[in-house]
C-alpha atoms as a PDB file:
ATOM      1  CA  MET A   1       2.800   6.995  -0.976  1.00  0.00           C
ATOM      2  CA  CYS A   2       3.934   9.130  -4.018  1.00  0.00           C
ATOM      3  CA  LEU A   3       6.672   7.865  -6.017  1.00  0.00           C
ATOM      4  CA  ASP A   4       8.312  10.571  -8.110  1.00  0.00           C
ATOM      5  CA  GLU A   5      11.886  11.110  -8.901  1.00  0.00           C
ATOM      6  CA  GLY A   6      12.302  13.231  -5.747  1.00  0.00           C
ATOM      7  CA  SER A   7      10.579  10.533  -3.573  1.00  0.00           C
ATOM      8  CA  VAL A   8      11.997   7.255  -5.221  1.00  0.00           C
ATOM      9  CA  LYS A   9      15.627   8.841  -3.957  1.00  0.00           C
ATOM     10  CA  SER A  10      14.216   8.244  -0.352  1.00  0.00           C
ATOM     11  CA  PHE A  11      13.036   4.490  -0.767  1.00  0.00           C
ATOM     12  CA  ASN A  12      16.588   3.778  -2.405  1.00  0.00           C
ATOM     13  CA  ASN A  13      17.497   1.291   0.946  1.00  0.00           C
ATOM     14  CA  PHE A  14      14.688  -1.381  -0.540  1.00  0.00           C
ATOM     15  CA  ARG A  15      16.321  -4.540  -2.266  1.00  0.00           C
ATOM     16  CA  LYS A  16      15.693  -3.681  -5.810  1.00  0.00           C
ATOM     17  CA  ASP A  17      14.423  -0.779  -8.380  1.00  0.00           C
ATOM     18  CA  GLY A  18      10.668  -0.239  -8.628  1.00  0.00           C
ATOM     19  CA  PHE A  19      10.092  -1.881  -5.434  1.00  0.00           C
ATOM     20  CA  PHE A  20       8.639   0.643  -2.254  1.00  0.00           C
ATOM     21  CA  CYS A  21       7.136   0.061   0.751  1.00  0.00           C
ATOM     22  CA  LYS A  22       6.037   2.267   3.634  1.00  0.00           C
ATOM     23  CA  THR A  23       5.000   2.073   6.888  1.00  0.00           C
ATOM     24  CA  TYR A  24       1.833   3.527   8.506  1.00  0.00           C
ATOM     25  CA  LYS A  25       0.374   3.536  11.918  1.00  0.00           C
ATOM     26  CA  VAL A  26      -3.514   2.319  12.467  1.00  0.00           C
ATOM     27  CA  ASP A  27      -5.546   4.854  14.442  1.00  0.00           C
ATOM     28  CA  GLY A  28      -9.538   5.512  15.077  1.00  0.00           C
ATOM     29  CA  VAL A  29     -10.260   1.292  15.002  1.00  0.00           C
ATOM     30  CA  THR A  30     -12.752   0.915  17.532  1.00  0.00           C
ATOM     31  CA  ASN A  31     -13.568  -2.686  17.654  1.00  0.00           C
ATOM     32  CA  GLY A  32     -10.263  -4.906  16.635  1.00  0.00           C
ATOM     33  CA  ILE A  33     -10.973  -5.410  13.135  1.00  0.00           C
ATOM     34  CA  ALA A  34     -10.427  -2.402   9.839  1.00  0.00           C
ATOM     35  CA  THR A  35     -10.718  -3.192   5.796  1.00  0.00           C
ATOM     36  CA  VAL A  36      -7.479  -1.709   4.534  1.00  0.00           C
ATOM     37  CA  SER A  37      -7.294  -1.147   0.829  1.00  0.00           C
ATOM     38  CA  VAL A  38      -4.728   0.123  -1.452  1.00  0.00           C
ATOM     39  CA  ASP A  39      -5.196   1.664  -5.222  1.00  0.00           C
ATOM     40  CA  ILE A  40      -2.309   2.720  -7.085  1.00  0.00           C
ATOM     41  CA  TYR A  41      -2.800   5.766 -10.047  1.00  0.00           C
ATOM     42  CA  ASP A  42      -0.600   8.180 -12.783  1.00  0.00           C
ATOM     43  CA  ALA A  43      -0.650  11.538 -12.214  1.00  0.00           C
ATOM     44  CA  ASN A  44      -3.900  11.523 -14.139  1.00  0.00           C
ATOM     45  CA  SER A  45      -5.854   9.644 -12.024  1.00  0.00           C
ATOM     46  CA  ASN A  46      -6.106   6.470 -13.882  1.00  0.00           C
ATOM     47  CA  PRO A  47      -5.382   3.030 -12.802  1.00  0.00           C
ATOM     48  CA  VAL A  48      -1.914   1.572 -13.134  1.00  0.00           C
ATOM     49  CA  LYS A  49      -1.279  -2.161 -12.808  1.00  0.00           C
ATOM     50  CA  VAL A  50       2.037  -2.821 -10.645  1.00  0.00           C
ATOM     51  CA  ARG A  51       3.860  -6.602 -11.071  1.00  0.00           C
ATOM     52  CA  SER A  52       2.520  -6.685  -7.092  1.00  0.00           C
ATOM     53  CA  ILE A  53       0.792  -5.040  -4.129  1.00  0.00           C
ATOM     54  CA  SER A  54       1.424  -6.322  -0.352  1.00  0.00           C
ATOM     55  CA  ILE A  55      -0.001  -4.937   3.157  1.00  0.00           C
ATOM     56  CA  GLU A  56       0.978  -6.962   6.073  1.00  0.00           C
ATOM     57  CA  THR A  57       0.769  -6.393   9.681  1.00  0.00           C
ATOM     58  CA  GLY A  58       1.921  -8.417  12.861  1.00  0.00           C
ATOM     59  CA  ASN A  59       1.513 -11.981  10.965  1.00  0.00           C
ATOM     60  CA  GLN A  60      -1.294 -11.520   8.679  1.00  0.00           C
ATOM     61  CA  TYR A  61      -0.520 -10.470   5.096  1.00  0.00           C
ATOM     62  CA  GLY A  62      -1.718 -10.794   1.908  1.00  0.00           C
ATOM     63  CA  SER A  63      -0.990  -9.459  -1.929  1.00  0.00           C
ATOM     64  CA  ARG A  64      -2.126  -9.030  -5.067  1.00  0.00           C
ATOM     65  CA  ASN A  65       0.101  -9.629  -8.432  1.00  0.00           C
ATOM     66  CA  ASP A  66      -0.759  -7.551 -12.211  1.00  0.00           C
ATOM     67  CA  ALA A  67      -3.451  -4.952 -10.431  1.00  0.00           C
ATOM     68  CA  ASN A  68      -3.935  -1.516  -9.347  1.00  0.00           C
ATOM     69  CA  ASN A  69      -5.659  -2.388  -6.051  1.00  0.00           C
ATOM     70  CA  HIS A  70      -5.596  -5.024  -3.230  1.00  0.00           C
ATOM     71  CA  THR A  71      -7.560  -5.325  -0.174  1.00  0.00           C
ATOM     72  CA  LEU A  72      -7.480  -6.917   2.925  1.00  0.00           C
ATOM     73  CA  ILE A  73      -9.477  -7.186   5.983  1.00  0.00           C
ATOM     74  CA  ILE A  74      -7.330  -7.427   9.425  1.00  0.00           C
ATOM     75  CA  ASN A  75      -7.542  -7.686  12.839  1.00  0.00           C
ATOM     76  CA  CYS A  76      -5.846  -5.305  14.392  1.00  0.00           C
ATOM     77  CA  GLU A  77      -5.470  -2.717  17.328  1.00  0.00           C
ATOM     78  CA  ASN A  78      -4.469   1.523  17.787  1.00  0.00           C
ATOM     79  CA  GLY A  79      -0.816   1.785  17.337  1.00  0.00           C
ATOM     80  CA  GLN A  80      -0.425  -1.190  15.246  1.00  0.00           C
ATOM     81  CA  LYS A  81       1.374  -0.811  12.213  1.00  0.00           C
ATOM     82  CA  ILE A  82       0.915  -1.746   9.022  1.00  0.00           C
ATOM     83  CA  ARG A  83       3.222  -2.168   6.088  1.00  0.00           C
ATOM     84  CA  THR A  84       2.010  -1.568   2.420  1.00  0.00           C
ATOM     85  CA  CYS A  85       4.815  -2.300  -0.838  1.00  0.00           C
ATOM     86  CA  MET A  86       4.479  -2.298  -4.520  1.00  0.00           C
ATOM     87  CA  ASP A  87       6.508  -3.411  -7.298  1.00  0.00           C
ATOM     88  CA  ASN A  88       6.401  -1.259 -10.824  1.00  0.00           C
ATOM     89  CA  ILE A  89       6.649  -2.872 -13.598  1.00  0.00           C
ATOM     90  CA  ILE A  90       6.416   0.700 -15.902  1.00  0.00           C
ATOM     91  CA  ASP A  91      10.044   3.182 -14.982  1.00  0.00           C
ATOM     92  CA  GLY A  92      10.114   6.916 -15.205  1.00  0.00           C
ATOM     93  CA  ILE A  93       6.197   7.813 -14.274  1.00  0.00           C
ATOM     94  CA  PHE A  94       4.895   9.543 -11.535  1.00  0.00           C
ATOM     95  CA  LEU A  95       2.649   6.960  -9.250  1.00  0.00           C
ATOM     96  CA  VAL A  96       0.472   7.738  -6.804  1.00  0.00           C
ATOM     97  CA  SER A  97      -0.651   4.720  -3.904  1.00  0.00           C
ATOM     98  CA  LEU A  98      -3.400   5.486  -2.141  1.00  0.00           C
ATOM     99  CA  LEU A  99      -4.204   4.056   1.051  1.00  0.00           C
ATOM    100  CA  VAL A 100      -7.119   3.758   2.910  1.00  0.00           C
ATOM    101  CA  VAL A 101      -8.118   2.153   6.553  1.00  0.00           C
ATOM    102  CA  MET A 102     -11.625   2.063   7.594  1.00  0.00           C
ATOM    103  CA  ASP A 103     -12.402   0.781  11.177  1.00  0.00           C
ATOM    104  CA  GLY A 104     -14.804  -2.346  10.519  1.00  0.00           C
ATOM    105  CA  VAL A 105     -15.438  -4.530   7.826  1.00  0.00           C
ATOM    106  CA  LEU A 106     -16.185  -3.290   4.335  1.00  0.00           C
ATOM    107  CA  GLY A 107     -19.969  -4.780   3.206  1.00  0.00           C
END
């Protein structure tokens, strides 16, 4: 999820400025459990804190406030959708959100 001025325009249907969501489809899960990680960086690859990061799929939800990353272990199947959201506290900078879904539990 890259968020620059052009990309922000495609997210303009969400409820407030600085709040962005994107939905992804899970693929490559073989044992019904996955580790989902979201990391937020600026254009120079430096971690950037945002007001909140959330991960949601089915009836599973997790969020973290004032952070640049969030990890959640979820029960899931291939084809299931994962929604990630972030609430940005800094206006006017380029942000990159890296989403990683790994099969199994990160250990």
